[in-house]
Amino acid sequence: MRVITGKAKGVQLKTPEGMLTRPTSDRVKEALFSIIHFEIPGAVVLDLFGGTGQLGIEALSQGAKSATFVDARADACQIIKENLRRTKLGAEAKVVRSDYMDYLNRCREKYSIIFLDPPYGEVFLENALNRITEIDILLSGGIIIAERPLGKELSLSFDGYSRSKDYKYGKTLLTIYRKE
């Protein structure tokens, strides 16, 4: 796993041992950032299920203004911090150890890009989408990128948000919601 382009291009990112974290494949990450590359410069990013931090780090590498990484696991937060050190992008980043719903319930910041790549077998994605659209932490015109497995359905719309088409890469789907 590596940073694909920008200031930290080519830097190898550390991944955790075991199966608790499922990093986005380089193929899917390249496709995702190709889709959203015009959204990134100056963006304020939330990587809600941080894992390794690779999505937020890629955004920082490509010109995002700042990124907040949230993960409930201490080992994941340590890996995110290590990856920020490796890429020299830590000055623009904040790592928060918290359950995603606890973070959302106390969040007072506004974001222009929110990455949602939670564990596939859980209801975290649906819960996060519902809560984010309720508490209004996405700036006008901002986007939510939801990664999910083939076969997992998501709501077609949320009040005040439009949904783009699904982008399919093997057994992975990417869905983008834009705040109107």
C-alpha atoms as a PDB file:
ATOM      1  CA  MET A   1       0.000   0.000   0.000  1.00  0.00           C
ATOM      2  CA  ARG A   2       1.439   3.343  -1.073  1.00  0.00           C
ATOM      3  CA  VAL A   3       0.551   6.982  -1.645  1.00  0.00           C
ATOM      4  CA  ILE A   4      -0.325   7.185  -5.343  1.00  0.00           C
ATOM      5  CA  THR A   5       0.320  10.834  -6.172  1.00  0.00           C
ATOM      6  CA  GLY A   6       1.058  14.300  -4.816  1.00  0.00           C
ATOM      7  CA  LYS A   7       3.565  15.510  -2.211  1.00  0.00           C
ATOM      8  CA  ALA A   8       4.060  12.047  -0.673  1.00  0.00           C
ATOM      9  CA  LYS A   9       3.884  10.043  -3.912  1.00  0.00           C
ATOM     10  CA  GLY A  10       5.380   6.581  -3.607  1.00  0.00           C
ATOM     11  CA  VAL A  11       5.686   6.511   0.192  1.00  0.00           C
ATOM     12  CA  GLN A  12       4.863   3.034   1.507  1.00  0.00           C
ATOM     13  CA  LEU A  13       2.233   3.035   4.235  1.00  0.00           C
ATOM     14  CA  LYS A  14       2.283   0.740   7.214  1.00  0.00           C
ATOM     15  CA  THR A  15      -0.594  -1.720   7.613  1.00  0.00           C
ATOM     16  CA  PRO A  16      -1.688  -3.482  10.792  1.00  0.00           C
ATOM     17  CA  GLU A  17      -1.261  -7.164  11.521  1.00  0.00           C
ATOM     18  CA  GLY A  18      -4.333  -9.389  11.355  1.00  0.00           C
ATOM     19  CA  MET A  19      -7.719  -8.976   9.742  1.00  0.00           C
ATOM     20  CA  LEU A  20      -9.299  -6.185  11.819  1.00  0.00           C
ATOM     21  CA  THR A  21      -8.420  -3.567   9.186  1.00  0.00           C
ATOM     22  CA  ARG A  22      -9.245  -3.964   5.488  1.00  0.00           C
ATOM     23  CA  PRO A  23      -7.349  -1.270   3.582  1.00  0.00           C
ATOM     24  CA  THR A  24      -8.770   0.002   0.301  1.00  0.00           C
ATOM     25  CA  SER A  25      -6.908  -1.615  -2.595  1.00  0.00           C
ATOM     26  CA  ASP A  26      -4.580   0.591  -4.641  1.00  0.00           C
ATOM     27  CA  ARG A  27      -6.781  -0.019  -7.717  1.00  0.00           C
ATOM     28  CA  VAL A  28      -9.929   1.238  -5.961  1.00  0.00           C
ATOM     29  CA  LYS A  29      -8.030   4.122  -4.352  1.00  0.00           C
ATOM     30  CA  GLU A  30      -6.647   5.248  -7.724  1.00  0.00           C
ATOM     31  CA  ALA A  31     -10.130   5.131  -9.245  1.00  0.00           C
ATOM     32  CA  LEU A  32     -11.658   6.998  -6.307  1.00  0.00           C
ATOM     33  CA  PHE A  33      -9.128   9.805  -6.427  1.00  0.00           C
ATOM     34  CA  SER A  34      -9.501  10.044 -10.188  1.00  0.00           C
ATOM     35  CA  ILE A  35     -13.236  10.620  -9.674  1.00  0.00           C
ATOM     36  CA  ILE A  36     -12.822  13.296  -6.960  1.00  0.00           C
ATOM     37  CA  HIS A  37      -9.493  14.925  -7.895  1.00  0.00           C
ATOM     38  CA  PHE A  38     -11.083  18.343  -8.568  1.00  0.00           C
ATOM     39  CA  GLU A  39     -12.694  18.304  -5.102  1.00  0.00           C
ATOM     40  CA  ILE A  40      -9.428  17.832  -3.177  1.00  0.00           C
ATOM     41  CA  PRO A  41      -7.399  21.078  -3.365  1.00  0.00           C
ATOM     42  CA  GLY A  42      -8.102  23.054  -0.180  1.00  0.00           C
ATOM     43  CA  ALA A  43     -10.584  20.473   1.154  1.00  0.00           C
ATOM     44  CA  VAL A  44     -11.228  19.858   4.842  1.00  0.00           C
ATOM     45  CA  VAL A  45     -11.394  16.066   5.117  1.00  0.00           C
ATOM     46  CA  LEU A  46     -12.874  13.612   7.608  1.00  0.00           C
ATOM     47  CA  ASP A  47     -11.630  10.005   7.376  1.00  0.00           C
ATOM     48  CA  LEU A  48     -14.222   8.584   9.776  1.00  0.00           C
ATOM     49  CA  PHE A  49     -13.079   4.960   9.882  1.00  0.00           C
ATOM     50  CA  GLY A  50      -9.369   5.792   9.689  1.00  0.00           C
ATOM     51  CA  GLY A  51      -7.836   2.296   9.762  1.00  0.00           C
ATOM     52  CA  THR A  52      -4.429   2.983   8.216  1.00  0.00           C
ATOM     53  CA  GLY A  53      -5.258   6.574   7.312  1.00  0.00           C
ATOM     54  CA  GLN A  54      -4.581   5.975   3.650  1.00  0.00           C
ATOM     55  CA  LEU A  55      -7.630   7.827   2.250  1.00  0.00           C
ATOM     56  CA  GLY A  56      -7.095  10.980   4.288  1.00  0.00           C
ATOM     57  CA  ILE A  57      -3.341  10.810   3.694  1.00  0.00           C
ATOM     58  CA  GLU A  58      -3.889  10.526  -0.059  1.00  0.00           C
ATOM     59  CA  ALA A  59      -6.157  13.590   0.107  1.00  0.00           C
ATOM     60  CA  LEU A  60      -3.498  15.535   2.052  1.00  0.00           C
ATOM     61  CA  SER A  61      -0.835  14.467  -0.426  1.00  0.00           C
ATOM     62  CA  GLN A  62      -3.012  15.802  -3.254  1.00  0.00           C
ATOM     63  CA  GLY A  63      -3.586  19.212  -1.667  1.00  0.00           C
ATOM     64  CA  ALA A  64      -6.308  18.947   0.964  1.00  0.00           C
ATOM     65  CA  LYS A  65      -6.025  21.705   3.572  1.00  0.00           C
ATOM     66  CA  SER A  66      -6.489  19.387   6.565  1.00  0.00           C
ATOM     67  CA  ALA A  67      -7.672  15.919   7.586  1.00  0.00           C
ATOM     68  CA  THR A  68      -9.182  14.466  10.731  1.00  0.00           C
ATOM     69  CA  PHE A  69      -8.759  10.718  11.225  1.00  0.00           C
ATOM     70  CA  VAL A  70     -11.124   8.881  13.588  1.00  0.00           C
ATOM     71  CA  ASP A  71     -10.746   5.277  14.741  1.00  0.00           C
ATOM     72  CA  ALA A  72     -11.856   3.487  17.890  1.00  0.00           C
ATOM     73  CA  ARG A  73      -8.813   1.213  18.071  1.00  0.00           C
ATOM     74  CA  ALA A  74      -5.568   2.393  19.711  1.00  0.00           C
ATOM     75  CA  ASP A  75      -3.417   0.317  17.335  1.00  0.00           C
ATOM     76  CA  ALA A  76      -5.114   1.868  14.289  1.00  0.00           C
ATOM     77  CA  CYS A  77      -4.524   5.374  15.660  1.00  0.00           C
ATOM     78  CA  GLN A  78      -0.835   4.536  16.180  1.00  0.00           C
ATOM     79  CA  ILE A  79      -0.549   3.283  12.586  1.00  0.00           C
ATOM     80  CA  ILE A  80      -2.224   6.445  11.278  1.00  0.00           C
ATOM     81  CA  LYS A  81       0.258   8.568  13.252  1.00  0.00           C
ATOM     82  CA  GLU A  82       3.173   6.477  11.940  1.00  0.00           C
ATOM     83  CA  ASN A  83       1.904   6.863   8.358  1.00  0.00           C
ATOM     84  CA  LEU A  84       1.562  10.619   8.837  1.00  0.00           C
ATOM     85  CA  ARG A  85       5.194  10.709  10.047  1.00  0.00           C
ATOM     86  CA  ARG A  86       6.341   8.637   7.053  1.00  0.00           C
ATOM     87  CA  THR A  87       4.604  10.988   4.632  1.00  0.00           C
ATOM     88  CA  LYS A  88       5.544  14.171   6.539  1.00  0.00           C
ATOM     89  CA  LEU A  89       1.882  15.255   6.424  1.00  0.00           C
ATOM     90  CA  GLY A  90       1.233  15.333  10.175  1.00  0.00           C
ATOM     91  CA  ALA A  91       1.112  19.129  10.448  1.00  0.00           C
ATOM     92  CA  GLU A  92      -2.196  19.199   8.548  1.00  0.00           C
ATOM     93  CA  ALA A  93      -3.702  16.243  10.435  1.00  0.00           C
ATOM     94  CA  LYS A  94      -5.511  15.389  13.635  1.00  0.00           C
ATOM     95  CA  VAL A  95      -5.926  11.791  14.887  1.00  0.00           C
ATOM     96  CA  VAL A  96      -8.842  11.130  17.239  1.00  0.00           C
ATOM     97  CA  ARG A  97      -9.339   7.870  19.096  1.00  0.00           C
ATOM     98  CA  SER A  98     -13.110   7.548  19.339  1.00  0.00           C
ATOM     99  CA  ASP A  99     -16.062   5.434  18.356  1.00  0.00           C
ATOM    100  CA  TYR A 100     -17.424   6.867  15.108  1.00  0.00           C
ATOM    101  CA  MET A 101     -20.887   7.598  16.525  1.00  0.00           C
ATOM    102  CA  ASP A 102     -19.470   9.261  19.653  1.00  0.00           C
ATOM    103  CA  TYR A 103     -17.311  11.441  17.411  1.00  0.00           C
ATOM    104  CA  LEU A 104     -20.259  12.397  15.204  1.00  0.00           C
ATOM    105  CA  ASN A 105     -22.463  13.149  18.215  1.00  0.00           C
ATOM    106  CA  ARG A 106     -19.964  15.719  19.550  1.00  0.00           C
ATOM    107  CA  CYS A 107     -18.588  16.981  16.221  1.00  0.00           C
ATOM    108  CA  ARG A 108     -18.757  20.740  15.719  1.00  0.00           C
ATOM    109  CA  GLU A 109     -16.519  20.954  12.654  1.00  0.00           C
ATOM    110  CA  LYS A 110     -17.634  21.214   9.021  1.00  0.00           C
ATOM    111  CA  TYR A 111     -16.026  19.156   6.267  1.00  0.00           C
ATOM    112  CA  SER A 112     -15.913  19.329   2.488  1.00  0.00           C
ATOM    113  CA  ILE A 113     -15.059  15.625   1.990  1.00  0.00           C
ATOM    114  CA  ILE A 114     -16.035  12.713   4.243  1.00  0.00           C
ATOM    115  CA  PHE A 115     -14.614   9.239   3.610  1.00  0.00           C
ATOM    116  CA  LEU A 116     -16.655   6.298   4.922  1.00  0.00           C
ATOM    117  CA  ASP A 117     -14.907   2.937   4.622  1.00  0.00           C
ATOM    118  CA  PRO A 118     -16.075   0.957   7.678  1.00  0.00           C
ATOM    119  CA  PRO A 119     -15.875  -2.790   8.288  1.00  0.00           C
ATOM    120  CA  TYR A 120     -18.057  -4.383   5.608  1.00  0.00           C
ATOM    121  CA  GLY A 121     -20.059  -6.826   7.727  1.00  0.00           C
ATOM    122  CA  GLU A 122     -21.526  -4.211  10.059  1.00  0.00           C
ATOM    123  CA  VAL A 123     -24.228  -1.513   9.928  1.00  0.00           C
ATOM    124  CA  PHE A 124     -21.668   1.249  10.575  1.00  0.00           C
ATOM    125  CA  LEU A 125     -21.985   2.668   7.048  1.00  0.00           C
ATOM    126  CA  GLU A 126     -25.757   3.086   7.187  1.00  0.00           C
ATOM    127  CA  ASN A 127     -25.604   4.503  10.722  1.00  0.00           C
ATOM    128  CA  ALA A 128     -22.839   6.959   9.804  1.00  0.00           C
ATOM    129  CA  LEU A 129     -24.675   8.189   6.682  1.00  0.00           C
ATOM    130  CA  ASN A 130     -27.883   8.690   8.643  1.00  0.00           C
ATOM    131  CA  ARG A 131     -26.123  10.586  11.438  1.00  0.00           C
ATOM    132  CA  ILE A 132     -23.986  12.762   9.143  1.00  0.00           C
ATOM    133  CA  THR A 133     -27.041  13.885   7.189  1.00  0.00           C
ATOM    134  CA  GLU A 134     -28.923  14.597  10.442  1.00  0.00           C
ATOM    135  CA  ILE A 135     -26.229  16.713  12.119  1.00  0.00           C
ATOM    136  CA  ASP A 136     -25.210  18.690   9.031  1.00  0.00           C
ATOM    137  CA  ILE A 137     -21.402  18.585   9.222  1.00  0.00           C
ATOM    138  CA  LEU A 138     -20.863  18.635   5.454  1.00  0.00           C
ATOM    139  CA  LEU A 139     -20.285  21.997   3.798  1.00  0.00           C
ATOM    140  CA  SER A 140     -22.587  23.029   0.959  1.00  0.00           C
ATOM    141  CA  GLY A 141     -21.417  21.269  -2.209  1.00  0.00           C
ATOM    142  CA  GLY A 142     -19.343  18.839  -0.139  1.00  0.00           C
ATOM    143  CA  ILE A 143     -19.202  15.101  -0.775  1.00  0.00           C
ATOM    144  CA  ILE A 144     -19.452  11.863   1.160  1.00  0.00           C
ATOM    145  CA  ILE A 145     -17.664   8.883  -0.386  1.00  0.00           C
ATOM    146  CA  ALA A 146     -19.033   5.549   0.820  1.00  0.00           C
ATOM    147  CA  GLU A 147     -17.147   2.322   0.090  1.00  0.00           C
ATOM    148  CA  ARG A 148     -19.065  -0.922   0.412  1.00  0.00           C
ATOM    149  CA  PRO A 149     -19.129  -4.505  -0.812  1.00  0.00           C
ATOM    150  CA  LEU A 150     -21.137  -5.582  -3.831  1.00  0.00           C
ATOM    151  CA  GLY A 151     -24.638  -6.514  -2.687  1.00  0.00           C
ATOM    152  CA  LYS A 152     -24.834  -4.069   0.248  1.00  0.00           C
ATOM    153  CA  GLU A 153     -27.543  -1.544  -0.590  1.00  0.00           C
ATOM    154  CA  LEU A 154     -27.632   2.081   0.503  1.00  0.00           C
ATOM    155  CA  SER A 155     -30.410   4.642   0.560  1.00  0.00           C
ATOM    156  CA  LEU A 156     -30.932   6.362  -2.757  1.00  0.00           C
ATOM    157  CA  SER A 157     -31.235   9.745  -1.110  1.00  0.00           C
ATOM    158  CA  PHE A 158     -31.128  11.759   2.062  1.00  0.00           C
ATOM    159  CA  ASP A 159     -32.855  15.120   2.489  1.00  0.00           C
ATOM    160  CA  GLY A 160     -30.591  17.789   1.045  1.00  0.00           C
ATOM    161  CA  TYR A 161     -28.215  15.294  -0.615  1.00  0.00           C
ATOM    162  CA  SER A 162     -28.034  13.877  -4.114  1.00  0.00           C
ATOM    163  CA  ARG A 163     -26.528  10.505  -4.939  1.00  0.00           C
ATOM    164  CA  SER A 164     -24.327   9.851  -7.953  1.00  0.00           C
ATOM    165  CA  LYS A 165     -24.122   6.573  -9.771  1.00  0.00           C
ATOM    166  CA  ASP A 166     -22.293   3.672  -8.168  1.00  0.00           C
ATOM    167  CA  TYR A 167     -18.748   2.999  -9.333  1.00  0.00           C
ATOM    168  CA  LYS A 168     -17.947  -0.723  -9.380  1.00  0.00           C
ATOM    169  CA  TYR A 169     -14.421  -2.138  -9.016  1.00  0.00           C
ATOM    170  CA  GLY A 170     -14.450  -5.912  -8.699  1.00  0.00           C
ATOM    171  CA  LYS A 171     -16.420  -6.656  -5.532  1.00  0.00           C
ATOM    172  CA  THR A 172     -16.224  -3.054  -4.271  1.00  0.00           C
ATOM    173  CA  LEU A 173     -18.725  -0.253  -4.855  1.00  0.00           C
ATOM    174  CA  LEU A 174     -18.106   3.457  -4.364  1.00  0.00           C
ATOM    175  CA  THR A 175     -21.065   5.796  -3.927  1.00  0.00           C
ATOM    176  CA  ILE A 176     -20.815   9.560  -3.757  1.00  0.00           C
ATOM    177  CA  TYR A 177     -23.406  11.755  -2.054  1.00  0.00           C
ATOM    178  CA  ARG A 178     -23.231  15.523  -2.608  1.00  0.00           C
ATOM    179  CA  LYS A 179     -24.790  18.108  -0.326  1.00  0.00           C
ATOM    180  CA  GLU A 180     -27.039  20.333  -2.383  1.00  0.00           C
END
